[in-house]
Amino acid sequence: MNWDDRSRSTEVDVDLEEEEIEVVVKETTTFSDFFNEDNELRLWQDNGGWSGVLREDGAFWRVNVMDDGEIIAKDPMSAEDVVESIRDHVEDPGAGSVGSFITPSRPGSHRSDPSMVGDRP
């Protein structure tokens, strides 16, 4: 399954008296679709490197990687920590610090070449 094959449903509620429209979109995809072909889930990056989650042989690692590929930090993550990291990433696009926030985990915004959302102050 790729992102173009994901399940998507939409509910729309229009209130003419209040002049409001509520749109609820639900997308379902596979967990693997969050990771790139190198088993990386990049949550943040700048011109010096990236940080996020690395999946190796069924284990998950919280990593900081230099632009040249050197891993400068690699800490084990529990499945619960991975779930929480993805949840935080999807729900809070302002998470992180300086650099650019990667958006592939944001529902509806995943692309084969993930975009970045601006420079963080």
Protein backbone atom coordinates (compact mmCIF):
# COMPACT_ATOMS: atom_id res chain seq x y z
CA MET A 1 0.00 0.00 0.00
CA ASN A 2 1.27 3.47 -0.74
CA TRP A 3 -0.16 6.84 0.25
CA ASP A 4 -2.23 7.03 -2.92
CA ASP A 5 -3.96 3.75 -1.96
CA ARG A 6 -4.82 4.77 1.60
CA SER A 7 -8.35 4.69 2.92
CA ARG A 8 -9.94 8.11 3.23
CA SER A 9 -13.35 9.23 4.41
CA THR A 10 -14.77 12.72 4.74
CA GLU A 11 -17.68 14.10 6.74
CA VAL A 12 -19.00 17.59 6.05
CA ASP A 13 -21.46 19.51 8.20
CA VAL A 14 -22.79 22.86 6.92
CA ASP A 15 -24.62 25.22 9.27
CA LEU A 16 -26.14 28.05 7.21
CA GLU A 17 -27.47 29.91 10.25
CA GLU A 18 -24.07 30.06 11.94
CA GLU A 19 -22.28 30.32 8.59
CA GLU A 20 -19.95 27.50 9.58
CA ILE A 21 -18.63 24.48 7.77
CA GLU A 22 -17.05 21.59 9.67
CA VAL A 23 -14.97 19.11 7.70
CA VAL A 24 -13.62 15.93 9.31
CA VAL A 25 -11.19 13.85 7.24
CA LYS A 26 -10.08 10.42 8.37
CA GLU A 27 -7.18 8.69 6.62
CA THR A 28 -5.93 5.20 7.31
CA THR A 29 -2.59 3.94 6.04
CA THR A 30 -0.01 1.37 7.02
CA PHE A 31 2.63 2.06 9.64
CA SER A 32 5.39 1.29 7.12
CA ASP A 33 4.28 4.19 4.90
CA PHE A 34 5.67 6.63 7.46
CA PHE A 35 9.22 5.35 6.87
CA ASN A 36 11.28 5.99 3.73
CA GLU A 37 13.13 3.32 1.75
CA ASP A 38 16.08 3.58 4.19
CA ASN A 39 13.77 2.81 7.16
CA GLU A 40 14.04 6.40 8.36
CA LEU A 41 11.24 8.52 9.74
CA ARG A 42 12.71 12.01 9.48
CA LEU A 43 10.87 14.37 11.79
CA TRP A 44 13.19 17.37 11.53
CA GLN A 45 16.13 18.41 9.38
CA ASP A 46 18.35 21.33 8.47
CA ASN A 47 21.47 21.71 6.35
CA GLY A 48 23.52 20.01 9.11
CA GLY A 49 21.53 16.77 9.31
CA TRP A 50 18.28 15.30 10.58
CA SER A 51 16.64 13.69 13.59
CA GLY A 52 13.89 11.17 13.88
CA VAL A 53 13.36 7.42 14.09
CA LEU A 54 15.42 4.65 12.49
CA ARG A 55 14.02 1.13 12.14
CA GLU A 56 16.55 -1.74 12.07
CA ASP A 57 15.68 -5.44 12.27
CA GLY A 58 12.40 -4.75 14.07
CA ALA A 59 14.01 -2.41 16.63
CA PHE A 60 13.48 1.35 16.75
CA TRP A 61 16.09 3.99 17.49
CA ARG A 62 15.82 7.72 18.17
CA VAL A 63 18.64 9.17 16.04
CA ASN A 64 20.47 12.38 15.22
CA VAL A 65 22.31 12.10 11.91
CA MET A 66 24.79 14.51 10.38
CA ASP A 67 24.36 15.59 6.75
CA ASP A 68 27.24 13.28 5.77
CA GLY A 69 25.35 10.28 7.24
CA GLU A 70 27.33 10.04 10.49
CA ILE A 71 25.03 9.01 13.35
CA ILE A 72 25.89 11.20 16.35
CA ALA A 73 23.18 9.87 18.68
CA LYS A 74 21.34 6.57 18.63
CA ASP A 75 19.09 5.62 21.53
CA PRO A 76 16.69 2.67 21.69
CA MET A 77 12.97 3.45 21.55
CA SER A 78 10.08 1.35 22.81
CA ALA A 79 7.07 0.77 20.58
CA GLU A 80 5.12 3.13 22.85
CA ASP A 81 7.73 5.88 22.31
CA VAL A 82 7.50 5.42 18.53
CA VAL A 83 3.71 5.70 18.66
CA GLU A 84 3.92 8.83 20.82
CA SER A 85 6.53 10.42 18.52
CA ILE A 86 4.33 9.86 15.47
CA ARG A 87 1.26 11.14 17.33
CA ASP A 88 3.12 14.28 18.47
CA HIS A 89 4.47 14.85 14.97
CA VAL A 90 1.04 14.60 13.36
CA GLU A 91 -0.76 16.69 15.98
CA ASP A 92 1.88 19.40 16.51
CA PRO A 93 3.64 20.71 13.40
CA GLY A 94 5.37 23.29 15.61
CA ALA A 95 7.24 20.64 17.61
CA GLY A 96 11.01 20.64 17.50
CA SER A 97 13.34 23.60 17.37
CA VAL A 98 15.47 25.41 14.80
CA GLY A 99 15.61 23.95 11.31
CA SER A 100 12.85 22.64 9.11
CA PHE A 101 10.03 20.45 10.24
CA ILE A 102 9.46 17.48 7.92
CA THR A 103 5.83 16.88 6.99
CA PRO A 104 5.52 13.30 5.71
CA SER A 105 3.69 12.17 8.83
CA ARG A 106 1.02 14.82 8.52
CA PRO A 107 -2.14 13.24 7.09
CA GLY A 108 -2.81 14.35 3.55
CA SER A 109 0.62 15.88 3.02
CA HIS A 110 2.85 12.84 2.41
CA ARG A 111 4.74 12.91 -0.84
CA SER A 112 7.28 10.52 -2.30
CA ASP A 113 9.85 13.29 -1.78
CA PRO A 114 8.76 14.80 1.57
CA SER A 115 8.56 18.55 1.73
CA MET A 116 9.70 20.70 4.62
CA VAL A 117 7.77 23.46 6.28
CA GLY A 118 9.82 26.64 6.55
CA ASP A 119 12.75 27.45 8.70
CA ARG A 120 12.11 27.33 12.42
CA PRO A 121 13.14 30.48 14.32
